[in-house]
C-alpha atoms as a PDB file:
ATOM      1  CA  GLN A   1       5.046  -8.886  80.530  1.00  0.00           C
ATOM      2  CA  ALA A   2       1.554  -9.828  79.848  1.00  0.00           C
ATOM      3  CA  ALA A   3       1.486 -13.363  78.511  1.00  0.00           C
ATOM      4  CA  GLY A   4      -0.856 -12.191  75.474  1.00  0.00           C
ATOM      5  CA  MET A   5       2.160  -9.698  74.461  1.00  0.00           C
ATOM      6  CA  ILE A   6       4.621 -12.580  73.807  1.00  0.00           C
ATOM      7  CA  PRO A   7       4.602 -13.249  70.064  1.00  0.00           C
ATOM      8  CA  GLU A   8       4.509 -17.042  70.699  1.00  0.00           C
ATOM      9  CA  LEU A   9       1.767 -17.034  73.035  1.00  0.00           C
ATOM     10  CA  SER A  10      -0.299 -14.313  71.567  1.00  0.00           C
ATOM     11  CA  GLY A  11      -2.404 -16.940  69.573  1.00  0.00           C
ATOM     12  CA  TYR A  12      -3.850 -18.599  72.906  1.00  0.00           C
ATOM     13  CA  PHE A  13      -5.216 -15.326  74.255  1.00  0.00           C
ATOM     14  CA  GLN A  14      -8.326 -13.693  72.838  1.00  0.00           C
ATOM     15  CA  PRO A  15      -8.635  -9.877  73.276  1.00  0.00           C
ATOM     16  CA  THR A  16     -11.532  -8.830  75.365  1.00  0.00           C
ATOM     17  CA  PRO A  17     -14.216  -7.451  73.399  1.00  0.00           C
ATOM     18  CA  PRO A  18     -15.342  -4.019  74.121  1.00  0.00           C
ATOM     19  CA  PRO A  19     -18.508  -3.569  76.428  1.00  0.00           C
ATOM     20  CA  PRO A  20     -21.697  -3.099  74.916  1.00  0.00           C
ATOM     21  CA  PRO A  21     -22.758   0.624  74.446  1.00  0.00           C
ATOM     22  CA  GLY A  22     -24.729   2.077  77.535  1.00  0.00           C
ATOM     23  CA  ASN A  23     -25.055   0.559  80.913  1.00  0.00           C
ATOM     24  CA  VAL A  24     -26.315  -2.949  79.879  1.00  0.00           C
ATOM     25  CA  GLN A  25     -24.104  -5.550  80.606  1.00  0.00           C
ATOM     26  CA  VAL A  26     -24.484  -9.082  79.035  1.00  0.00           C
ATOM     27  CA  THR A  27     -23.453 -11.895  81.075  1.00  0.00           C
ATOM     28  CA  PRO A  28     -23.838 -15.555  79.808  1.00  0.00           C
ATOM     29  CA  PRO A  29     -25.794 -18.094  81.966  1.00  0.00           C
ATOM     30  CA  PRO A  30     -23.614 -20.018  84.433  1.00  0.00           C
ATOM     31  CA  VAL A  31     -22.368 -23.337  83.260  1.00  0.00           C
ATOM     32  CA  GLN A  32     -21.670 -26.117  85.816  1.00  0.00           C
ATOM     33  CA  PRO A  33     -18.240 -27.720  85.580  1.00  0.00           C
ATOM     34  CA  GLY A  34     -18.207 -30.893  83.845  1.00  0.00           C
ATOM     35  CA  THR A  35     -21.508 -30.709  82.131  1.00  0.00           C
ATOM     36  CA  SER A  36     -21.752 -30.793  78.248  1.00  0.00           C
ATOM     37  CA  GLY A  37     -24.187 -28.500  76.235  1.00  0.00           C
ATOM     38  CA  SER A  38     -26.585 -31.308  75.656  1.00  0.00           C
ATOM     39  CA  SER A  39     -27.076 -32.543  79.336  1.00  0.00           C
ATOM     40  CA  ALA A  40     -29.663 -31.265  81.453  1.00  0.00           C
ATOM     41  CA  GLN A  41     -29.526 -30.424  85.196  1.00  0.00           C
ATOM     42  CA  GLN A  42     -28.973 -33.451  87.568  1.00  0.00           C
ATOM     43  CA  PRO A  43     -31.947 -35.652  88.010  1.00  0.00           C
ATOM     44  CA  VAL A  44     -32.753 -36.754  91.428  1.00  0.00           C
ATOM     45  CA  GLU A  45     -31.139 -40.001  91.462  1.00  0.00           C
ATOM     46  CA  LYS A  46     -28.538 -41.857  89.275  1.00  0.00           C
ATOM     47  CA  PRO A  47     -29.979 -44.316  86.926  1.00  0.00           C
ATOM     48  CA  ASP A  48     -29.432 -48.208  87.610  1.00  0.00           C
ATOM     49  CA  SER A  49     -26.543 -49.505  85.159  1.00  0.00           C
ATOM     50  CA  PHE A  50     -28.011 -52.978  84.836  1.00  0.00           C
ATOM     51  CA  LEU A  51     -24.515 -54.268  84.950  1.00  0.00           C
ATOM     52  CA  VAL A  52     -25.285 -57.550  87.129  1.00  0.00           C
ATOM     53  CA  TRP A  53     -28.312 -58.023  84.771  1.00  0.00           C
ATOM     54  CA  SER A  54     -26.120 -57.662  81.770  1.00  0.00           C
ATOM     55  CA  ILE A  55     -23.567 -60.071  83.027  1.00  0.00           C
ATOM     56  CA  LEU A  56     -26.076 -62.722  83.925  1.00  0.00           C
ATOM     57  CA  THR A  57     -27.940 -62.492  80.473  1.00  0.00           C
ATOM     58  CA  THR A  58     -24.690 -62.617  79.053  1.00  0.00           C
ATOM     59  CA  VAL A  59     -23.615 -65.736  80.673  1.00  0.00           C
ATOM     60  CA  LEU A  60     -27.002 -67.571  80.737  1.00  0.00           C
ATOM     61  CA  CYS A  61     -28.943 -66.267  77.682  1.00  0.00           C
ATOM     62  CA  CYS A  62     -27.671 -64.835  74.557  1.00  0.00           C
ATOM     63  CA  LEU A  63     -23.901 -63.958  74.367  1.00  0.00           C
ATOM     64  CA  PRO A  64     -23.886 -61.260  71.440  1.00  0.00           C
ATOM     65  CA  LEU A  65     -26.647 -59.192  72.951  1.00  0.00           C
ATOM     66  CA  GLY A  66     -25.432 -59.465  76.549  1.00  0.00           C
ATOM     67  CA  ILE A  67     -22.256 -58.062  75.580  1.00  0.00           C
ATOM     68  CA  VAL A  68     -23.717 -55.100  74.161  1.00  0.00           C
ATOM     69  CA  ALA A  69     -25.460 -54.814  77.488  1.00  0.00           C
ATOM     70  CA  ILE A  70     -22.473 -54.822  79.366  1.00  0.00           C
ATOM     71  CA  VAL A  71     -20.911 -52.138  77.115  1.00  0.00           C
ATOM     72  CA  TYR A  72     -23.773 -49.772  77.741  1.00  0.00           C
ATOM     73  CA  SER A  73     -23.751 -50.770  81.557  1.00  0.00           C
ATOM     74  CA  THR A  74     -20.281 -49.776  82.018  1.00  0.00           C
ATOM     75  CA  LYS A  75     -20.788 -46.437  80.402  1.00  0.00           C
ATOM     76  CA  VAL A  76     -23.542 -45.232  82.902  1.00  0.00           C
ATOM     77  CA  ASP A  77     -21.461 -44.361  85.992  1.00  0.00           C
ATOM     78  CA  PRO A  78     -18.499 -42.725  84.017  1.00  0.00           C
ATOM     79  CA  LEU A  79     -21.124 -40.447  82.047  1.00  0.00           C
ATOM     80  CA  TRP A  80     -22.844 -39.541  85.299  1.00  0.00           C
ATOM     81  CA  ASP A  81     -19.712 -38.561  87.096  1.00  0.00           C
ATOM     82  CA  LYS A  82     -18.726 -36.236  84.395  1.00  0.00           C
ATOM     83  CA  GLY A  83     -22.284 -34.634  84.646  1.00  0.00           C
ATOM     84  CA  GLN A  84     -23.566 -36.067  81.290  1.00  0.00           C
ATOM     85  CA  TYR A  85     -26.889 -36.971  82.885  1.00  0.00           C
ATOM     86  CA  THR A  86     -28.865 -37.392  79.740  1.00  0.00           C
ATOM     87  CA  GLU A  87     -26.190 -39.339  78.100  1.00  0.00           C
ATOM     88  CA  ALA A  88     -26.033 -41.711  81.444  1.00  0.00           C
ATOM     89  CA  ALA A  89     -29.719 -42.061  81.260  1.00  0.00           C
ATOM     90  CA  GLU A  90     -29.870 -42.889  77.734  1.00  0.00           C
ATOM     91  CA  ALA A  91     -26.984 -45.590  78.402  1.00  0.00           C
ATOM     92  CA  ALA A  92     -29.069 -47.132  81.225  1.00  0.00           C
ATOM     93  CA  LYS A  93     -32.263 -47.298  79.083  1.00  0.00           C
ATOM     94  CA  ASN A  94     -30.126 -49.027  76.175  1.00  0.00           C
ATOM     95  CA  ALA A  95     -28.454 -51.349  78.782  1.00  0.00           C
ATOM     96  CA  LYS A  96     -31.845 -52.479  79.971  1.00  0.00           C
ATOM     97  CA  THR A  97     -33.417 -52.968  76.424  1.00  0.00           C
ATOM     98  CA  PHE A  98     -30.205 -55.194  75.354  1.00  0.00           C
ATOM     99  CA  CYS A  99     -30.802 -57.095  78.637  1.00  0.00           C
ATOM    100  CA  ILE A 100     -34.378 -57.834  77.806  1.00  0.00           C
ATOM    101  CA  LEU A 101     -33.582 -58.656  74.311  1.00  0.00           C
ATOM    102  CA  SER A 102     -30.872 -61.198  75.509  1.00  0.00           C
ATOM    103  CA  LEU A 103     -33.372 -62.598  77.905  1.00  0.00           C
ATOM    104  CA  VAL A 104     -36.022 -63.021  75.165  1.00  0.00           C
ATOM    105  CA  PHE A 105     -33.564 -64.582  72.582  1.00  0.00           C
ATOM    106  CA  GLY A 106     -32.069 -66.889  75.472  1.00  0.00           C
ATOM    107  CA  ILE A 107     -35.460 -68.253  76.315  1.00  0.00           C
ATOM    108  CA  LEU A 108     -36.547 -68.688  72.628  1.00  0.00           C
ATOM    109  CA  GLY A 109     -33.195 -70.325  71.838  1.00  0.00           C
ATOM    110  CA  ILE A 110     -33.690 -72.798  74.854  1.00  0.00           C
ATOM    111  CA  LEU A 111     -37.354 -73.584  73.938  1.00  0.00           C
ATOM    112  CA  GLY A 112     -36.192 -74.125  70.203  1.00  0.00           C
ATOM    113  CA  ALA A 113     -33.280 -76.585  71.392  1.00  0.00           C
ATOM    114  CA  PHE A 114     -35.893 -78.324  73.577  1.00  0.00           C
ATOM    115  CA  LEU A 115     -38.429 -78.650  70.645  1.00  0.00           C
ATOM    116  CA  MET A 116     -35.701 -79.933  68.185  1.00  0.00           C
ATOM    117  CA  GLY A 117     -34.754 -82.372  70.765  1.00  0.00           C
ATOM    118  CA  ALA A 118     -38.090 -83.560  71.399  1.00  0.00           C
ATOM    119  CA  LEU A 119     -38.866 -83.898  67.682  1.00  0.00           C
ATOM    120  CA  GLY A 120     -35.627 -85.664  67.029  1.00  0.00           C
ATOM    121  CA  ALA A 121     -36.613 -88.343  69.939  1.00  0.00           C
ATOM    122  CA  LEU A 122     -40.218 -88.651  68.335  1.00  0.00           C
ATOM    123  CA  GLY A 123     -38.878 -89.079  64.798  1.00  0.00           C
ATOM    124  CA  SER A 124     -36.443 -91.898  65.921  1.00  0.00           C
ATOM    125  CA  MET A 125     -39.158 -94.048  67.315  1.00  0.00           C
END
């Protein structure tokens, strides 16, 4: 017996629509497995995840922004492997942005601390 004929299973099976009139056959475009509707075809090469830079800027520069960079960096490879190429490229771009921001804020923090120390030393003279 066909599975669609069993009452408990009939909700899982859609009846096949009748063919269009005439000899015109409508076929949907082929979908690559593992891709979402918003992803484009596979680019030439996988984007850099910036994971090493994310870790370095977290440890050496600015902890909060570096953590955000690590989160985006770790999303690149799984998204790429699922075929979500656009999302992987966006995650790589965000990881790079937060690495740069972490570096800038880290440098500004170090310079600020140095200036405060220098001004404190000059004020105690």
